[in-house]
N, C-alpha and C. Protein backbone atom coordinates (compact mmCIF):
# COMPACT_ATOMS: atom_id res chain seq x y z
N MET A 1 135.76 40.25 193.56
CA MET A 1 136.01 40.04 192.12
C MET A 1 135.88 41.38 191.39
N LEU A 2 136.89 41.76 190.63
CA LEU A 2 136.84 42.99 189.85
C LEU A 2 136.19 42.71 188.49
N LEU A 3 135.18 43.52 188.17
CA LEU A 3 134.48 43.31 186.90
C LEU A 3 135.31 43.86 185.74
N GLN A 4 135.29 43.13 184.63
CA GLN A 4 136.05 43.54 183.45
C GLN A 4 135.27 44.56 182.61
N ARG A 5 133.96 44.61 182.80
CA ARG A 5 133.12 45.51 182.00
C ARG A 5 131.87 45.85 182.81
N ILE A 6 131.09 46.78 182.29
CA ILE A 6 129.83 47.12 182.96
C ILE A 6 128.85 45.96 182.78
N PHE A 7 128.28 45.53 183.87
CA PHE A 7 127.36 44.38 183.85
C PHE A 7 126.07 44.80 184.54
N ARG A 8 124.95 44.52 183.89
CA ARG A 8 123.65 44.97 184.41
C ARG A 8 122.71 43.79 184.58
N ALA A 9 122.21 43.66 185.79
CA ALA A 9 121.37 42.49 186.11
C ALA A 9 120.12 42.91 186.85
N VAL A 10 119.11 42.06 186.74
CA VAL A 10 117.85 42.22 187.47
C VAL A 10 117.64 40.95 188.28
N ILE A 11 117.15 41.08 189.52
CA ILE A 11 116.82 39.90 190.31
C ILE A 11 115.32 39.90 190.59
N MET A 12 114.70 38.73 190.41
CA MET A 12 113.26 38.60 190.64
C MET A 12 113.00 37.39 191.54
N GLY A 13 111.92 37.48 192.30
CA GLY A 13 111.55 36.38 193.18
C GLY A 13 110.40 36.81 194.06
N PRO A 14 109.52 35.90 194.43
CA PRO A 14 108.38 36.26 195.26
C PRO A 14 108.79 36.68 196.66
N PRO A 15 107.89 37.37 197.40
CA PRO A 15 108.20 37.74 198.79
C PRO A 15 108.51 36.48 199.59
N GLY A 16 109.60 36.52 200.36
CA GLY A 16 109.97 35.35 201.17
C GLY A 16 110.86 34.35 200.44
N SER A 17 111.30 34.71 199.22
CA SER A 17 112.13 33.76 198.44
C SER A 17 113.61 33.87 198.78
N GLY A 18 113.98 34.86 199.61
CA GLY A 18 115.39 35.05 199.95
C GLY A 18 116.10 36.03 199.03
N LYS A 19 115.31 36.84 198.32
CA LYS A 19 115.87 37.78 197.34
C LYS A 19 116.84 38.77 197.99
N GLY A 20 116.48 39.25 199.18
CA GLY A 20 117.35 40.21 199.88
C GLY A 20 118.70 39.61 200.23
N THR A 21 118.68 38.36 200.71
CA THR A 21 119.92 37.67 201.09
C THR A 21 120.79 37.43 199.86
N VAL A 22 120.17 36.94 198.78
CA VAL A 22 120.92 36.66 197.55
C VAL A 22 121.49 37.95 196.97
N SER A 23 120.70 39.02 196.98
CA SER A 23 121.17 40.31 196.47
C SER A 23 122.41 40.76 197.23
N GLY A 24 122.36 40.63 198.56
CA GLY A 24 123.49 41.01 199.40
C GLY A 24 124.75 40.24 199.04
N ARG A 25 124.59 38.95 198.78
CA ARG A 25 125.74 38.10 198.43
C ARG A 25 126.30 38.46 197.04
N ILE A 26 125.40 38.78 196.10
CA ILE A 26 125.86 39.17 194.76
C ILE A 26 126.66 40.47 194.85
N VAL A 27 126.13 41.43 195.59
CA VAL A 27 126.80 42.73 195.75
C VAL A 27 128.18 42.54 196.37
N LYS A 28 128.24 41.70 197.41
CA LYS A 28 129.50 41.48 198.13
C LYS A 28 130.51 40.71 197.26
N SER A 29 130.03 39.70 196.53
CA SER A 29 130.94 38.84 195.75
C SER A 29 131.39 39.49 194.44
N PHE A 30 130.52 40.28 193.82
CA PHE A 30 130.82 40.75 192.47
C PHE A 30 130.89 42.28 192.35
N GLY A 31 130.63 42.98 193.44
CA GLY A 31 130.81 44.43 193.43
C GLY A 31 129.77 45.22 192.65
N LEU A 32 128.61 44.61 192.38
CA LEU A 32 127.54 45.35 191.70
C LEU A 32 126.89 46.32 192.69
N MET A 33 126.37 47.42 192.17
CA MET A 33 125.61 48.34 193.02
C MET A 33 124.17 47.82 193.11
N HIS A 34 123.62 47.82 194.32
CA HIS A 34 122.28 47.29 194.55
C HIS A 34 121.27 48.43 194.53
N LEU A 35 120.31 48.35 193.63
CA LEU A 35 119.26 49.37 193.55
C LEU A 35 117.92 48.73 193.86
N SER A 36 117.35 49.09 195.01
CA SER A 36 116.06 48.52 195.42
C SER A 36 114.97 49.54 195.18
N SER A 37 113.95 49.16 194.41
CA SER A 37 112.86 50.10 194.11
C SER A 37 112.11 50.48 195.39
N GLY A 38 111.97 49.52 196.30
CA GLY A 38 111.27 49.80 197.57
C GLY A 38 112.00 50.84 198.39
N ASP A 39 113.34 50.71 198.48
CA ASP A 39 114.15 51.67 199.23
C ASP A 39 114.05 53.06 198.61
N LEU A 40 114.12 53.11 197.27
CA LEU A 40 114.04 54.39 196.56
C LEU A 40 112.69 55.06 196.76
N LEU A 41 111.65 54.25 196.71
CA LEU A 41 110.29 54.76 196.87
C LEU A 41 110.13 55.37 198.27
N ARG A 42 110.59 54.63 199.29
CA ARG A 42 110.48 55.12 200.68
C ARG A 42 111.31 56.39 200.89
N ALA A 43 112.51 56.42 200.30
CA ALA A 43 113.40 57.59 200.46
C ALA A 43 112.78 58.83 199.83
N ASN A 44 112.15 58.66 198.66
CA ASN A 44 111.53 59.80 197.98
C ASN A 44 110.30 60.30 198.71
N ILE A 45 109.54 59.37 199.28
CA ILE A 45 108.36 59.77 200.05
C ILE A 45 108.81 60.55 201.29
N LYS A 46 109.85 60.03 201.95
CA LYS A 46 110.37 60.67 203.17
C LYS A 46 110.92 62.07 202.85
N ALA A 47 111.62 62.19 201.71
CA ALA A 47 112.23 63.47 201.34
C ALA A 47 111.23 64.44 200.71
N LYS A 48 109.98 63.95 200.51
CA LYS A 48 108.91 64.77 199.93
C LYS A 48 109.31 65.36 198.56
N THR A 49 109.97 64.55 197.73
CA THR A 49 110.29 64.99 196.37
C THR A 49 108.99 65.04 195.57
N GLU A 50 109.06 65.63 194.38
CA GLU A 50 107.87 65.73 193.52
C GLU A 50 107.28 64.33 193.25
N LEU A 51 108.17 63.38 192.87
CA LEU A 51 107.71 62.02 192.60
C LEU A 51 107.25 61.34 193.90
N GLY A 52 107.95 61.63 194.99
CA GLY A 52 107.60 61.05 196.29
C GLY A 52 106.19 61.44 196.71
N LEU A 53 105.85 62.71 196.54
CA LEU A 53 104.51 63.19 196.91
C LEU A 53 103.44 62.57 196.01
N LEU A 54 103.79 62.42 194.73
CA LEU A 54 102.86 61.80 193.77
C LEU A 54 102.60 60.34 194.16
N MET A 55 103.67 59.62 194.53
CA MET A 55 103.52 58.22 194.91
C MET A 55 102.76 58.08 196.22
N LYS A 56 103.03 58.97 197.17
CA LYS A 56 102.34 58.91 198.47
C LYS A 56 100.84 59.13 198.28
N SER A 57 100.51 60.06 197.39
CA SER A 57 99.10 60.33 197.10
C SER A 57 98.41 59.08 196.55
N CYS A 58 99.09 58.36 195.64
CA CYS A 58 98.53 57.11 195.08
C CYS A 58 98.34 56.07 196.19
N ILE A 59 99.39 55.90 197.00
CA ILE A 59 99.36 54.87 198.06
C ILE A 59 98.28 55.19 199.08
N ASP A 60 98.16 56.48 199.47
CA ASP A 60 97.16 56.89 200.46
C ASP A 60 95.74 56.63 199.97
N GLN A 61 95.56 56.69 198.66
CA GLN A 61 94.23 56.45 198.09
C GLN A 61 94.00 54.98 197.74
N GLY A 62 95.01 54.16 198.11
CA GLY A 62 94.88 52.72 197.85
C GLY A 62 95.05 52.36 196.39
N GLN A 63 95.69 53.26 195.63
CA GLN A 63 95.88 53.00 194.19
C GLN A 63 97.30 52.50 193.94
N LEU A 64 97.47 51.77 192.83
CA LEU A 64 98.81 51.38 192.40
C LEU A 64 99.52 52.59 191.83
N VAL A 65 100.81 52.71 192.12
CA VAL A 65 101.59 53.80 191.53
C VAL A 65 101.73 53.51 190.04
N PRO A 66 101.38 54.46 189.16
CA PRO A 66 101.43 54.20 187.71
C PRO A 66 102.83 53.79 187.25
N ASP A 67 102.87 52.94 186.22
CA ASP A 67 104.13 52.44 185.66
C ASP A 67 105.10 53.57 185.29
N ASP A 68 104.56 54.62 184.64
CA ASP A 68 105.46 55.67 184.16
C ASP A 68 106.10 56.43 185.32
N VAL A 69 105.39 56.54 186.45
CA VAL A 69 105.94 57.24 187.62
C VAL A 69 107.07 56.42 188.24
N ILE A 70 106.82 55.11 188.40
CA ILE A 70 107.86 54.20 188.94
C ILE A 70 109.08 54.20 188.02
N SER A 71 108.83 54.11 186.71
CA SER A 71 109.93 54.07 185.74
C SER A 71 110.76 55.36 185.80
N ARG A 72 110.07 56.50 185.90
CA ARG A 72 110.79 57.78 185.99
C ARG A 72 111.67 57.81 187.24
N LEU A 73 111.12 57.36 188.34
CA LEU A 73 111.85 57.35 189.61
C LEU A 73 113.14 56.53 189.50
N ILE A 74 113.00 55.29 189.01
CA ILE A 74 114.14 54.38 188.93
C ILE A 74 115.17 54.87 187.91
N LEU A 75 114.69 55.25 186.73
CA LEU A 75 115.62 55.64 185.66
C LEU A 75 116.36 56.93 185.99
N THR A 76 115.69 57.84 186.72
CA THR A 76 116.36 59.08 187.17
C THR A 76 117.52 58.72 188.10
N GLU A 77 117.27 57.82 189.02
CA GLU A 77 118.30 57.39 189.97
C GLU A 77 119.45 56.68 189.25
N MET A 78 119.11 55.90 188.23
CA MET A 78 120.13 55.11 187.54
C MET A 78 121.09 55.98 186.72
N ARG A 79 120.63 57.17 186.35
CA ARG A 79 121.53 58.07 185.62
C ARG A 79 122.74 58.46 186.47
N ASN A 80 122.54 58.44 187.80
CA ASN A 80 123.64 58.79 188.72
C ASN A 80 124.73 57.72 188.74
N ILE A 81 124.38 56.51 188.31
CA ILE A 81 125.38 55.42 188.33
C ILE A 81 125.54 54.83 186.93
N ASP A 82 125.49 55.73 185.96
CA ASP A 82 125.51 55.35 184.54
C ASP A 82 126.67 54.43 184.16
N GLN A 83 127.84 54.67 184.77
CA GLN A 83 129.02 53.90 184.38
C GLN A 83 129.33 52.78 185.39
N SER A 84 128.34 52.39 186.16
CA SER A 84 128.55 51.33 187.16
C SER A 84 127.80 50.07 186.76
N SER A 85 128.27 48.95 187.29
CA SER A 85 127.52 47.69 187.16
C SER A 85 126.48 47.67 188.26
N TRP A 86 125.27 47.21 187.93
CA TRP A 86 124.23 47.25 188.96
C TRP A 86 123.34 46.01 188.96
N LEU A 87 122.66 45.86 190.12
CA LEU A 87 121.66 44.80 190.31
C LEU A 87 120.36 45.48 190.70
N LEU A 88 119.35 45.35 189.85
CA LEU A 88 118.05 45.97 190.11
C LEU A 88 117.14 44.99 190.84
N ASP A 89 116.51 45.47 191.90
CA ASP A 89 115.69 44.62 192.76
C ASP A 89 114.32 45.28 192.95
N GLY A 90 113.25 44.61 192.53
CA GLY A 90 111.90 45.18 192.68
C GLY A 90 111.44 45.96 191.46
N PHE A 91 112.26 46.02 190.44
CA PHE A 91 111.93 46.72 189.20
C PHE A 91 112.68 46.01 188.07
N PRO A 92 112.05 45.75 186.93
CA PRO A 92 110.66 46.06 186.57
C PRO A 92 109.68 45.01 187.10
N ARG A 93 108.46 45.47 187.36
CA ARG A 93 107.41 44.56 187.84
C ARG A 93 106.32 44.32 186.81
N THR A 94 106.35 45.10 185.74
CA THR A 94 105.38 44.92 184.65
C THR A 94 106.14 44.97 183.32
N VAL A 95 105.49 44.50 182.27
CA VAL A 95 106.13 44.52 180.94
C VAL A 95 106.37 45.96 180.51
N SER A 96 105.45 46.85 180.85
CA SER A 96 105.61 48.26 180.50
C SER A 96 106.87 48.84 181.14
N GLN A 97 107.11 48.49 182.42
CA GLN A 97 108.32 48.94 183.11
C GLN A 97 109.57 48.33 182.48
N ALA A 98 109.48 47.05 182.09
CA ALA A 98 110.62 46.38 181.45
C ALA A 98 110.97 47.06 180.13
N GLU A 99 109.95 47.47 179.39
CA GLU A 99 110.18 48.14 178.11
C GLU A 99 110.82 49.51 178.33
N SER A 100 110.38 50.22 179.38
CA SER A 100 110.97 51.52 179.70
C SER A 100 112.46 51.37 180.03
N LEU A 101 112.79 50.31 180.77
CA LEU A 101 114.19 50.04 181.12
C LEU A 101 115.00 49.72 179.86
N ASP A 102 114.41 48.90 178.99
CA ASP A 102 115.08 48.48 177.75
C ASP A 102 115.37 49.66 176.81
N ASN A 103 114.54 50.69 176.90
CA ASN A 103 114.74 51.86 176.04
C ASN A 103 116.01 52.62 176.39
N VAL A 104 116.49 52.41 177.64
CA VAL A 104 117.65 53.16 178.11
C VAL A 104 118.88 52.28 178.32
N TYR A 105 118.65 51.07 178.86
CA TYR A 105 119.77 50.19 179.20
C TYR A 105 119.54 48.79 178.63
N SER A 106 120.65 48.12 178.35
CA SER A 106 120.58 46.72 177.93
C SER A 106 120.85 45.85 179.15
N VAL A 107 119.90 44.99 179.49
CA VAL A 107 120.05 44.10 180.66
C VAL A 107 120.79 42.83 180.24
N ASP A 108 121.87 42.51 180.96
CA ASP A 108 122.68 41.33 180.62
C ASP A 108 122.05 40.03 181.09
N THR A 109 121.47 40.06 182.27
CA THR A 109 120.86 38.82 182.78
C THR A 109 119.77 39.13 183.79
N VAL A 110 118.76 38.26 183.84
CA VAL A 110 117.69 38.36 184.84
C VAL A 110 117.71 37.08 185.67
N ILE A 111 118.01 37.24 186.95
CA ILE A 111 118.09 36.09 187.86
C ILE A 111 116.72 35.91 188.52
N ASN A 112 116.12 34.77 188.28
CA ASN A 112 114.80 34.48 188.83
C ASN A 112 114.90 33.40 189.89
N LEU A 113 114.48 33.72 191.12
CA LEU A 113 114.50 32.75 192.21
C LEU A 113 113.18 31.98 192.23
N ASP A 114 113.28 30.69 192.01
CA ASP A 114 112.10 29.83 191.95
C ASP A 114 112.07 28.96 193.21
N VAL A 115 111.33 29.44 194.22
CA VAL A 115 111.21 28.73 195.50
C VAL A 115 109.75 28.27 195.61
N PRO A 116 109.50 26.98 195.93
CA PRO A 116 108.12 26.50 196.02
C PRO A 116 107.28 27.36 196.97
N TYR A 117 106.06 27.66 196.53
CA TYR A 117 105.19 28.51 197.35
C TYR A 117 104.93 27.88 198.72
N GLN A 118 104.87 26.56 198.77
CA GLN A 118 104.63 25.89 200.06
C GLN A 118 105.77 26.20 201.04
N THR A 119 107.01 26.22 200.52
CA THR A 119 108.18 26.54 201.34
C THR A 119 108.09 27.97 201.85
N ILE A 120 107.72 28.89 200.95
CA ILE A 120 107.62 30.31 201.32
C ILE A 120 106.53 30.51 202.37
N LYS A 121 105.37 29.86 202.16
CA LYS A 121 104.28 29.99 203.14
C LYS A 121 104.72 29.51 204.52
N GLN A 122 105.40 28.36 204.53
CA GLN A 122 105.90 27.80 205.78
C GLN A 122 106.87 28.78 206.44
N ARG A 123 107.76 29.35 205.63
CA ARG A 123 108.80 30.26 206.11
C ARG A 123 108.17 31.53 206.70
N LEU A 124 107.23 32.13 205.97
CA LEU A 124 106.67 33.41 206.41
C LEU A 124 105.67 33.27 207.54
N THR A 125 104.86 32.22 207.49
CA THR A 125 103.83 32.08 208.53
C THR A 125 104.41 31.54 209.84
N SER A 126 105.68 31.15 209.81
CA SER A 126 106.33 30.67 211.04
C SER A 126 106.95 31.81 211.85
N ARG A 127 106.89 33.04 211.30
CA ARG A 127 107.52 34.18 211.97
C ARG A 127 106.58 34.81 213.00
N TRP A 128 107.10 35.03 214.19
CA TRP A 128 106.36 35.71 215.25
C TRP A 128 107.24 36.81 215.83
N LEU A 129 106.61 37.88 216.31
CA LEU A 129 107.33 39.09 216.65
C LEU A 129 106.99 39.57 218.06
N HIS A 130 108.04 40.02 218.79
CA HIS A 130 107.81 40.78 220.03
C HIS A 130 107.88 42.25 219.64
N LEU A 131 106.71 42.88 219.55
CA LEU A 131 106.60 44.20 218.95
C LEU A 131 107.47 45.27 219.64
N PRO A 132 107.44 45.39 220.98
CA PRO A 132 108.21 46.48 221.61
C PRO A 132 109.72 46.42 221.33
N SER A 133 110.30 45.23 221.26
CA SER A 133 111.75 45.11 221.08
C SER A 133 112.16 44.84 219.63
N GLY A 134 111.20 44.34 218.83
CA GLY A 134 111.52 43.97 217.46
C GLY A 134 112.13 42.57 217.35
N ARG A 135 112.18 41.82 218.47
CA ARG A 135 112.74 40.46 218.42
C ARG A 135 111.85 39.56 217.56
N VAL A 136 112.51 38.82 216.65
CA VAL A 136 111.75 37.95 215.75
C VAL A 136 112.06 36.50 216.08
N TYR A 137 111.03 35.68 216.15
CA TYR A 137 111.17 34.24 216.39
C TYR A 137 110.66 33.49 215.17
N ASN A 138 111.19 32.30 214.98
CA ASN A 138 110.67 31.43 213.92
C ASN A 138 110.36 30.08 214.54
N ILE A 139 109.13 29.65 214.40
CA ILE A 139 108.67 28.42 215.05
C ILE A 139 109.53 27.22 214.66
N ASP A 140 110.08 27.25 213.42
CA ASP A 140 110.83 26.09 212.92
C ASP A 140 112.27 26.03 213.43
N PHE A 141 112.97 27.18 213.39
CA PHE A 141 114.40 27.08 213.74
C PHE A 141 114.86 28.05 214.83
N ASN A 142 113.98 28.92 215.30
CA ASN A 142 114.37 29.82 216.38
C ASN A 142 113.14 30.09 217.27
N PRO A 143 112.56 29.01 217.83
CA PRO A 143 111.30 29.18 218.57
C PRO A 143 111.53 29.83 219.94
N PRO A 144 110.50 30.50 220.48
CA PRO A 144 110.62 31.00 221.86
C PRO A 144 110.66 29.83 222.84
N LYS A 145 111.24 30.08 224.02
CA LYS A 145 111.32 29.01 225.03
C LYS A 145 109.93 28.55 225.45
N ILE A 146 109.03 29.52 225.57
CA ILE A 146 107.63 29.19 225.89
C ILE A 146 106.78 29.66 224.71
N ALA A 147 106.02 28.74 224.14
CA ALA A 147 105.24 29.05 222.93
C ALA A 147 104.41 30.31 223.11
N GLY A 148 104.54 31.24 222.17
CA GLY A 148 103.71 32.44 222.16
C GLY A 148 104.20 33.57 223.04
N LEU A 149 105.34 33.36 223.78
CA LEU A 149 105.82 34.40 224.69
C LEU A 149 107.28 34.77 224.41
N ASP A 150 107.59 36.06 224.60
CA ASP A 150 108.95 36.56 224.41
C ASP A 150 109.89 35.99 225.47
N ASP A 151 111.09 35.57 225.05
CA ASP A 151 112.06 34.97 225.98
C ASP A 151 112.49 35.93 227.08
N VAL A 152 112.62 37.21 226.76
CA VAL A 152 113.18 38.17 227.72
C VAL A 152 112.12 38.72 228.67
N THR A 153 110.99 39.16 228.11
CA THR A 153 109.98 39.84 228.95
C THR A 153 108.80 38.95 229.33
N GLY A 154 108.62 37.84 228.60
CA GLY A 154 107.46 36.98 228.86
C GLY A 154 106.17 37.55 228.28
N GLU A 155 106.29 38.65 227.51
CA GLU A 155 105.09 39.27 226.93
C GLU A 155 104.65 38.49 225.69
N PRO A 156 103.37 38.61 225.33
CA PRO A 156 102.85 37.83 224.18
C PRO A 156 103.51 38.26 222.86
N LEU A 157 103.69 37.28 221.97
CA LEU A 157 104.19 37.53 220.62
C LEU A 157 103.00 37.74 219.69
N ILE A 158 103.25 38.47 218.61
CA ILE A 158 102.19 38.66 217.62
C ILE A 158 102.70 38.21 216.25
N GLN A 159 101.75 37.97 215.37
CA GLN A 159 102.11 37.67 213.97
C GLN A 159 101.74 38.89 213.15
N ARG A 160 102.71 39.38 212.36
CA ARG A 160 102.42 40.52 211.50
C ARG A 160 101.28 40.18 210.55
N HIS A 161 100.49 41.18 210.22
CA HIS A 161 99.37 40.96 209.30
C HIS A 161 99.87 40.36 207.99
N ASP A 162 101.04 40.84 207.53
CA ASP A 162 101.63 40.35 206.27
C ASP A 162 101.99 38.86 206.32
N ASP A 163 102.14 38.32 207.54
CA ASP A 163 102.62 36.95 207.69
C ASP A 163 101.51 35.93 208.00
N THR A 164 100.26 36.38 208.03
CA THR A 164 99.19 35.41 208.26
C THR A 164 99.01 34.56 207.00
N PRO A 165 98.59 33.30 207.14
CA PRO A 165 98.47 32.41 205.97
C PRO A 165 97.65 33.01 204.83
N GLU A 166 96.53 33.68 205.18
CA GLU A 166 95.65 34.23 204.14
C GLU A 166 96.36 35.34 203.36
N THR A 167 97.05 36.22 204.10
CA THR A 167 97.73 37.34 203.44
C THR A 167 98.89 36.84 202.59
N VAL A 168 99.64 35.87 203.11
CA VAL A 168 100.78 35.32 202.35
C VAL A 168 100.29 34.71 201.04
N THR A 169 99.22 33.94 201.10
CA THR A 169 98.65 33.33 199.90
C THR A 169 98.25 34.40 198.89
N ARG A 170 97.61 35.47 199.38
CA ARG A 170 97.16 36.56 198.51
C ARG A 170 98.36 37.28 197.87
N ARG A 171 99.41 37.53 198.67
CA ARG A 171 100.60 38.22 198.16
C ARG A 171 101.30 37.39 197.08
N LEU A 172 101.38 36.08 197.30
CA LEU A 172 102.05 35.21 196.33
C LEU A 172 101.27 35.15 195.02
N LYS A 173 99.95 35.11 195.14
CA LYS A 173 99.10 35.07 193.94
C LYS A 173 99.24 36.37 193.14
N ALA A 174 99.25 37.49 193.88
CA ALA A 174 99.39 38.79 193.22
C ALA A 174 100.74 38.90 192.52
N TYR A 175 101.78 38.39 193.17
CA TYR A 175 103.12 38.42 192.58
C TYR A 175 103.13 37.62 191.28
N GLU A 176 102.55 36.43 191.35
CA GLU A 176 102.55 35.54 190.18
C GLU A 176 101.83 36.19 189.00
N ASN A 177 100.65 36.74 189.28
CA ASN A 177 99.85 37.36 188.21
C ASN A 177 100.58 38.53 187.57
N GLN A 178 101.26 39.31 188.43
CA GLN A 178 101.91 40.53 187.94
C GLN A 178 103.21 40.22 187.19
N THR A 179 103.99 39.28 187.70
CA THR A 179 105.35 39.12 187.16
C THR A 179 105.50 38.02 186.10
N GLN A 180 104.53 37.13 185.99
CA GLN A 180 104.65 36.07 184.99
C GLN A 180 104.90 36.63 183.59
N PRO A 181 104.16 37.68 183.17
CA PRO A 181 104.41 38.26 181.84
C PRO A 181 105.82 38.85 181.73
N VAL A 182 106.35 39.38 182.83
CA VAL A 182 107.71 39.96 182.81
C VAL A 182 108.75 38.85 182.60
N LEU A 183 108.55 37.72 183.29
CA LEU A 183 109.46 36.58 183.12
C LEU A 183 109.41 36.09 181.67
N GLU A 184 108.20 36.03 181.11
CA GLU A 184 108.07 35.59 179.71
C GLU A 184 108.75 36.58 178.76
N TYR A 185 108.64 37.85 179.08
CA TYR A 185 109.27 38.91 178.27
C TYR A 185 110.78 38.70 178.22
N TYR A 186 111.39 38.46 179.39
CA TYR A 186 112.85 38.28 179.44
C TYR A 186 113.27 36.90 178.90
N ARG A 187 112.38 35.91 179.05
CA ARG A 187 112.69 34.59 178.48
C ARG A 187 112.76 34.70 176.96
N SER A 188 111.86 35.46 176.38
CA SER A 188 111.85 35.62 174.92
C SER A 188 113.09 36.36 174.42
N LYS A 189 113.71 37.15 175.30
CA LYS A 189 114.93 37.88 174.94
C LYS A 189 116.19 37.04 175.20
N GLY A 190 116.00 35.87 175.84
CA GLY A 190 117.13 34.98 176.06
C GLY A 190 118.04 35.37 177.22
N VAL A 191 117.53 36.22 178.15
CA VAL A 191 118.40 36.65 179.27
C VAL A 191 117.92 36.13 180.63
N LEU A 192 116.83 35.33 180.63
CA LEU A 192 116.29 34.85 181.90
C LEU A 192 117.02 33.59 182.37
N GLU A 193 117.48 33.60 183.63
CA GLU A 193 118.11 32.43 184.24
C GLU A 193 117.35 32.12 185.53
N THR A 194 116.76 30.94 185.60
CA THR A 194 115.97 30.55 186.78
C THR A 194 116.76 29.59 187.65
N PHE A 195 116.76 29.87 188.95
CA PHE A 195 117.46 29.03 189.94
C PHE A 195 116.43 28.52 190.94
N SER A 196 116.31 27.19 191.01
CA SER A 196 115.27 26.59 191.85
C SER A 196 115.86 25.94 193.09
N GLY A 197 115.08 25.96 194.18
CA GLY A 197 115.52 25.31 195.41
C GLY A 197 114.64 25.74 196.57
N THR A 198 114.84 25.12 197.72
CA THR A 198 114.02 25.46 198.89
C THR A 198 114.78 26.31 199.91
N GLU A 199 116.11 26.44 199.74
CA GLU A 199 116.90 27.23 200.68
C GLU A 199 117.90 28.10 199.92
N THR A 200 118.17 29.26 200.48
CA THR A 200 119.12 30.18 199.86
C THR A 200 120.50 29.53 199.73
N ASN A 201 120.94 28.82 200.76
CA ASN A 201 122.27 28.20 200.72
C ASN A 201 122.37 27.11 199.66
N GLN A 202 121.23 26.59 199.27
CA GLN A 202 121.19 25.56 198.24
C GLN A 202 121.25 26.21 196.85
N ILE A 203 120.62 27.37 196.71
CA ILE A 203 120.54 28.07 195.42
C ILE A 203 121.81 28.88 195.14
N TRP A 204 122.37 29.49 196.19
CA TRP A 204 123.46 30.45 196.00
C TRP A 204 124.65 29.92 195.22
N PRO A 205 125.18 28.71 195.51
CA PRO A 205 126.36 28.25 194.76
C PRO A 205 126.14 28.23 193.25
N HIS A 206 124.92 27.94 192.83
CA HIS A 206 124.60 27.90 191.39
C HIS A 206 124.60 29.32 190.79
N ILE A 207 124.06 30.26 191.56
CA ILE A 207 124.05 31.66 191.10
C ILE A 207 125.48 32.18 191.03
N GLN A 208 126.26 31.86 192.05
CA GLN A 208 127.66 32.31 192.12
C GLN A 208 128.46 31.77 190.93
N ALA A 209 128.27 30.48 190.64
CA ALA A 209 128.99 29.85 189.52
C ALA A 209 128.56 30.47 188.19
N PHE A 210 127.26 30.70 188.04
CA PHE A 210 126.73 31.29 186.82
C PHE A 210 127.31 32.69 186.58
N LEU A 211 127.31 33.53 187.63
CA LEU A 211 127.81 34.90 187.48
C LEU A 211 129.33 34.91 187.28
N SER A 212 130.02 34.01 187.94
CA SER A 212 131.48 33.94 187.78
C SER A 212 131.82 33.65 186.32
N LYS A 213 131.07 32.71 185.73
CA LYS A 213 131.28 32.34 184.33
C LYS A 213 130.91 33.51 183.40
N LYS A 214 129.79 34.11 183.72
CA LYS A 214 129.27 35.22 182.91
C LYS A 214 130.23 36.40 182.91
N LEU A 215 130.90 36.61 184.03
CA LEU A 215 131.76 37.77 184.19
C LEU A 215 133.23 37.50 183.97
N SER A 216 133.56 36.28 183.57
CA SER A 216 134.98 35.95 183.32
C SER A 216 135.46 36.73 182.09
N PRO A 217 136.75 37.08 182.04
CA PRO A 217 137.26 37.95 180.96
C PRO A 217 136.94 37.46 179.55
N GLN A 218 136.95 36.13 179.32
CA GLN A 218 136.71 35.65 177.95
C GLN A 218 135.27 35.88 177.51
N ASN A 219 134.36 36.12 178.48
CA ASN A 219 132.98 36.42 178.08
C ASN A 219 132.75 37.91 177.89
């Protein structure tokens, strides 16, 4: 689909909500450029840029990267695609970051993925990994032939620390506490659209229809 004008969107959703999959489909269907704050952060740390070194220092000390540093990183990158339509993923995460973005760009819509936490916990804690090969199994829909063992080598599978029930619960709680004010901020501006469901394939048609309508020439 060719866009008639510059369109700027943000996508939000807890870890395990299918945000990556939905982002990929939006980019493919509507031609938006995908900007992931996590990818940018890792690239800058790897390239040892001034901001990258500053962020690495914060992370190494177990500190949160300050809002103004994250905002500078993202907004600097966005200047390179000033005349493009984009989808922001992972930013803004705080109201302060949202305000920094608003000072430079007008956001047309914020897509919020609302997936029940119980579904996400089930999804994430069902993942098991064969570390040497990177093969991933899911107890629910792609289980190993023998429980706990890799199909090819027979070696034991492990669960990533991020995927243990305790860690997943903690990550979801942290996400909720941090982003609830951001969702309220965008709701008050009238640009928040929430899509609820337990599966990406169930949610996607609604997002696709919404964006198609939003981007039609008469709008």
